[in-house]
Amino acid sequence: MSSAGSRLPPSVAWLGYGGLLPFALTALGTLADPARRELWQSALLAYGAVILSFVGALHWAFAMNANDERQARPLYVWSVVPALAGWLALLLPLLLARGAVPAALLLILAFIAHYVQDQRLARRHPLPGWYLPLRLRLSSVACLCLAAIPYVAA
């Protein structure tokens, strides 16, 4: 359950929503600039992988503060899954023809899975009331932007 403090701090709002700009700009480039589409897609995938890695850190922080190893272990394990998914997503275009599409789909699925894990975390640990709604908004926009890659491939 979320703890008190449901008002989104202004610095978090600026940083969170400002962090959507690279998603929006690279998605727009993917859609509007066919001559450099591969460059825009690579930039979009790279930023998605970086942000996905970033969101796993919260679970690592809670693992470090867990009372015992049994509580900490699943949090530690999950905290590295987003980074591994992001890394794999960056490899897919190198390994597969048209690999940007599976890479984008992997990142979208990973953002969704991580939001589900954040919901589970919020049921067990106190989080600010603004955290899950913000994560839902940010992850939704990130996923919509990443969907530009399969959209142009269709």
Protein backbone atom coordinates (compact mmCIF):
# COMPACT_ATOMS: atom_id res chain seq x y z
CA MET A 1 0.00 0.00 0.00
CA SER A 2 1.25 3.48 -0.78
CA SER A 3 2.22 5.79 2.02
CA ALA A 4 1.10 9.36 2.52
CA GLY A 5 2.49 11.97 0.21
CA SER A 6 0.29 11.82 -2.84
CA ARG A 7 1.35 15.23 -4.19
CA LEU A 8 3.88 14.88 -6.97
CA PRO A 9 7.01 16.92 -6.12
CA PRO A 10 7.72 19.53 -8.82
CA SER A 11 11.28 18.29 -9.38
CA VAL A 12 10.00 14.76 -9.95
CA ALA A 13 7.39 16.06 -12.39
CA TRP A 14 9.98 18.05 -14.35
CA LEU A 15 12.45 15.19 -14.48
CA GLY A 16 9.86 12.50 -15.17
CA TYR A 17 7.93 14.31 -17.87
CA GLY A 18 11.09 15.89 -19.25
CA GLY A 19 12.46 12.39 -19.60
CA LEU A 20 9.71 11.70 -22.12
CA LEU A 21 11.15 14.23 -24.58
CA PRO A 22 13.78 11.86 -26.01
CA PHE A 23 11.06 9.22 -26.45
CA ALA A 24 8.77 11.67 -28.24
CA LEU A 25 11.48 13.19 -30.44
CA THR A 26 12.94 9.88 -31.57
CA ALA A 27 9.48 8.40 -32.19
CA LEU A 28 8.59 11.46 -34.25
CA GLY A 29 11.83 11.08 -36.20
CA THR A 30 11.03 7.40 -36.77
CA LEU A 31 7.63 8.33 -38.19
CA ALA A 32 8.50 11.51 -40.11
CA ASP A 33 12.04 11.05 -41.43
CA PRO A 34 12.24 7.91 -43.60
CA ALA A 35 15.70 8.82 -44.85
CA ARG A 36 17.14 8.49 -41.34
CA ARG A 37 14.60 6.06 -39.90
CA GLU A 38 17.24 3.51 -38.86
CA LEU A 39 19.12 6.18 -36.90
CA TRP A 40 15.94 7.37 -35.16
CA GLN A 41 14.95 3.80 -34.34
CA SER A 42 18.38 3.04 -32.89
CA ALA A 43 18.22 6.16 -30.75
CA LEU A 44 14.69 5.28 -29.57
CA LEU A 45 15.68 1.72 -28.68
CA ALA A 46 18.82 2.88 -26.89
CA TYR A 47 16.93 5.43 -24.81
CA GLY A 48 14.23 2.87 -24.02
CA ALA A 49 16.87 0.39 -22.84
CA VAL A 50 18.56 3.02 -20.66
CA ILE A 51 15.29 4.10 -19.03
CA LEU A 52 14.20 0.50 -18.54
CA SER A 53 17.48 -0.16 -16.71
CA PHE A 54 16.89 2.91 -14.56
CA VAL A 55 13.46 1.77 -13.35
CA GLY A 56 14.85 -1.47 -11.93
CA ALA A 57 16.90 0.44 -9.37
CA LEU A 58 13.97 0.96 -7.00
CA HIS A 59 13.70 -2.79 -6.44
CA TRP A 60 17.43 -3.00 -5.70
CA ALA A 61 17.06 -0.22 -3.10
CA PHE A 62 14.25 -2.08 -1.33
CA ALA A 63 16.28 -5.31 -1.44
CA MET A 64 19.17 -3.56 0.31
CA ASN A 65 16.79 -2.52 3.09
CA ALA A 66 15.07 -5.91 3.45
CA ASN A 67 15.18 -7.57 6.84
CA ASP A 68 16.49 -10.90 5.61
CA GLU A 69 17.93 -12.56 2.53
CA ARG A 70 14.70 -14.41 1.78
CA GLN A 71 12.87 -11.08 1.38
CA ALA A 72 15.75 -9.47 -0.49
CA ARG A 73 16.53 -12.19 -3.04
CA PRO A 74 13.46 -11.76 -5.32
CA LEU A 75 13.88 -7.99 -5.25
CA TYR A 76 17.55 -8.24 -6.23
CA VAL A 77 16.73 -10.71 -8.99
CA TRP A 78 13.92 -8.59 -10.42
CA SER A 79 15.97 -5.40 -10.22
CA VAL A 80 18.40 -6.68 -12.87
CA VAL A 81 15.75 -8.07 -15.23
CA PRO A 82 14.99 -4.66 -16.81
CA ALA A 83 18.68 -4.08 -17.57
CA LEU A 84 19.02 -7.53 -19.11
CA ALA A 85 15.88 -7.02 -21.19
CA GLY A 86 17.19 -3.66 -22.38
CA TRP A 87 20.54 -5.17 -23.30
CA LEU A 88 18.87 -7.98 -25.25
CA ALA A 89 16.68 -5.43 -27.02
CA LEU A 90 19.81 -3.60 -28.17
CA LEU A 91 21.31 -6.85 -29.49
CA LEU A 92 18.25 -7.93 -31.48
CA PRO A 93 18.75 -5.47 -34.38
CA LEU A 94 22.31 -6.76 -34.70
CA LEU A 95 21.25 -10.40 -34.66
CA LEU A 96 18.04 -10.40 -36.68
CA ALA A 97 16.90 -8.92 -39.94
CA ARG A 98 14.26 -6.31 -39.07
CA GLY A 99 15.35 -6.79 -35.45
CA ALA A 100 14.18 -3.31 -34.45
CA VAL A 101 10.58 -4.55 -34.37
CA PRO A 102 11.19 -7.43 -31.93
CA ALA A 103 13.45 -5.11 -29.91
CA ALA A 104 10.69 -2.52 -29.59
CA LEU A 105 8.16 -5.20 -28.67
CA LEU A 106 10.53 -6.61 -26.04
CA LEU A 107 10.98 -3.16 -24.49
CA ILE A 108 7.22 -2.56 -24.48
CA LEU A 109 6.60 -5.90 -22.76
CA ALA A 110 9.39 -5.22 -20.28
CA PHE A 111 7.95 -1.80 -19.37
CA ILE A 112 4.54 -3.42 -18.82
CA ALA A 113 6.04 -6.26 -16.75
CA HIS A 114 8.00 -3.79 -14.68
CA TYR A 115 4.88 -1.74 -13.95
CA VAL A 116 3.19 -4.95 -12.73
CA GLN A 117 6.21 -5.60 -10.50
CA ASP A 118 6.01 -2.03 -9.18
CA GLN A 119 2.37 -2.65 -8.26
CA ARG A 120 3.44 -5.74 -6.29
CA LEU A 121 6.21 -3.74 -4.63
CA ALA A 122 3.74 -1.03 -3.62
CA ARG A 123 1.53 -3.63 -1.89
CA ARG A 124 4.46 -4.75 0.28
CA HIS A 125 6.45 -1.56 0.82
CA PRO A 126 5.51 2.06 1.47
CA LEU A 127 5.78 4.19 -1.67
CA PRO A 128 4.59 7.75 -2.18
CA GLY A 129 1.01 7.93 -3.43
CA TRP A 130 2.16 9.67 -6.60
CA TYR A 131 4.62 6.93 -7.62
CA LEU A 132 2.37 4.36 -9.33
CA PRO A 133 0.21 6.91 -11.20
CA LEU A 134 3.37 8.63 -12.44
CA ARG A 135 4.95 5.32 -13.48
CA LEU A 136 1.78 4.39 -15.35
CA ARG A 137 1.76 7.68 -17.27
CA LEU A 138 5.48 7.61 -18.04
CA SER A 139 5.52 3.95 -19.04
CA SER A 140 2.41 4.38 -21.19
CA VAL A 141 3.97 7.21 -23.16
CA ALA A 142 7.26 5.31 -23.47
CA CYS A 143 5.39 2.26 -24.82
CA LEU A 144 3.39 4.37 -27.28
CA CYS A 145 6.59 5.95 -28.56
CA LEU A 146 8.31 2.58 -28.88
CA ALA A 147 5.28 1.35 -30.84
CA ALA A 148 6.31 3.76 -33.63
CA ILE A 149 8.89 1.16 -34.67
CA PRO A 150 6.46 -1.71 -35.39
CA TYR A 151 3.98 0.83 -36.78
CA VAL A 152 6.31 1.98 -39.56
CA ALA A 153 7.34 -1.62 -40.27
CA ALA A 154 3.72 -2.70 -40.86
